[in-house]
Amino acid sequence: MIIVSGRLIVAPGTRDAFLAAARQSVIAARAADGCRDFVAAADPLEPDRVNVYEEWDSQHDLMAFRGDGPAPAMRARIVSSAVFRHQVSSSGPA
């Protein structure tokens, strides 16, 4: 399993518009082969931060969906990011 998690900082005052635009990506990802979960959500403390979390069955499934990453219009709204890919070799109930 592959987990992608991290944070995006968007231009001040644009988080709601960014999340509205990201909604279609969330819908498409959740319908994609191998996607277990996909979330882009407003951070409860930082007004310009978006938290991202994705779970994928495999690296192949992730790359088939992701391609070259966010569309240029979405990428232009991101001021900075710290997003990481994690390969999980085992997991179980918490």
Protein backbone atom coordinates (compact mmCIF):
# COMPACT_ATOMS: atom_id res chain seq x y z
CA MET A 1 0.00 0.00 0.00
CA ILE A 2 1.11 3.54 -0.75
CA ILE A 3 0.15 6.49 1.46
CA VAL A 4 0.58 10.07 0.32
CA SER A 5 0.25 12.63 3.10
CA GLY A 6 1.21 16.17 3.84
CA ARG A 7 0.24 19.80 3.62
CA LEU A 8 -0.16 22.49 1.02
CA ILE A 9 0.00 26.20 1.76
CA VAL A 10 -2.14 28.16 -0.67
CA ALA A 11 -2.16 31.89 -1.41
CA PRO A 12 -3.75 33.87 1.43
CA GLY A 13 -7.52 34.00 1.23
CA THR A 14 -7.80 31.36 -1.52
CA ARG A 15 -8.22 28.14 0.47
CA ASP A 16 -11.99 27.83 0.00
CA ALA A 17 -11.69 28.36 -3.76
CA PHE A 18 -8.80 25.89 -3.89
CA LEU A 19 -10.82 23.23 -2.06
CA ALA A 20 -13.84 23.83 -4.28
CA ALA A 21 -11.65 23.34 -7.36
CA ALA A 22 -10.06 20.23 -5.80
CA ARG A 23 -13.46 18.59 -5.29
CA GLN A 24 -13.50 17.13 -8.81
CA SER A 25 -10.04 15.64 -8.26
CA VAL A 26 -11.23 13.99 -5.04
CA ILE A 27 -14.25 12.52 -6.83
CA ALA A 28 -12.09 11.26 -9.72
CA ALA A 29 -9.45 9.79 -7.41
CA ARG A 30 -11.97 7.90 -5.30
CA ALA A 31 -13.38 6.36 -8.49
CA ALA A 32 -9.91 5.42 -9.81
CA ASP A 33 -8.59 1.88 -9.79
CA GLY A 34 -6.60 1.16 -6.65
CA CYS A 35 -7.68 4.22 -4.67
CA ARG A 36 -8.61 3.35 -1.11
CA ASP A 37 -9.05 6.94 0.10
CA PHE A 38 -8.35 10.48 -1.06
CA VAL A 39 -8.90 13.63 1.00
CA ALA A 40 -8.06 17.32 0.64
CA ALA A 41 -9.30 19.21 3.70
CA ALA A 42 -9.03 22.59 5.37
CA ASP A 43 -6.68 22.66 8.34
CA PRO A 44 -8.56 23.66 11.52
CA LEU A 45 -5.79 25.97 12.79
CA GLU A 46 -3.96 27.50 9.82
CA PRO A 47 -6.19 29.52 7.44
CA ASP A 48 -4.08 28.93 4.30
CA ARG A 49 -3.23 25.26 4.90
CA VAL A 50 -4.78 22.27 3.14
CA ASN A 51 -4.10 18.77 4.49
CA VAL A 52 -3.88 15.94 1.98
CA TYR A 53 -4.17 12.21 2.55
CA GLU A 54 -4.30 9.42 -0.01
CA GLU A 55 -4.20 5.62 0.15
CA TRP A 56 -3.44 3.53 -2.95
CA ASP A 57 -3.13 -0.20 -3.54
CA SER A 58 0.11 0.26 -5.48
CA GLN A 59 2.61 2.72 -6.91
CA HIS A 60 1.26 1.84 -10.37
CA ASP A 61 -2.30 2.86 -9.36
CA LEU A 62 -1.04 6.12 -7.84
CA MET A 63 0.96 7.07 -10.93
CA ALA A 64 -1.83 6.07 -13.31
CA PHE A 65 -4.08 8.59 -11.56
CA ARG A 66 -1.55 11.30 -10.71
CA GLY A 67 0.28 11.60 -14.02
CA ASP A 68 2.20 14.90 -13.93
CA GLY A 69 0.52 16.10 -10.73
CA PRO A 70 -1.89 18.98 -10.23
CA ALA A 71 -3.13 20.92 -13.22
CA PRO A 72 -1.23 24.19 -13.85
CA ALA A 73 -4.16 26.30 -12.56
CA MET A 74 -4.16 24.38 -9.26
CA ARG A 75 -0.37 24.38 -9.02
CA ALA A 76 -0.34 28.18 -9.41
CA ARG A 77 -2.41 28.54 -6.23
CA ILE A 78 0.06 26.55 -4.10
CA VAL A 79 2.64 28.69 -2.31
CA SER A 80 4.52 25.77 -0.74
CA SER A 81 4.07 22.11 -0.03
CA ALA A 82 5.41 19.27 2.08
CA VAL A 83 3.84 16.10 0.72
CA PHE A 84 5.44 12.68 1.07
CA ARG A 85 4.88 9.18 -0.30
CA HIS A 86 5.11 6.28 2.14
CA GLN A 87 5.32 2.62 1.17
CA VAL A 88 3.62 0.50 3.81
CA SER A 89 4.72 -3.11 4.17
CA SER A 90 2.18 -4.09 6.81
CA SER A 91 -0.76 -2.61 8.66
CA GLY A 92 -3.56 -3.64 10.99
CA PRO A 93 -6.34 -2.29 13.14
CA ALA A 94 -5.49 0.56 15.49
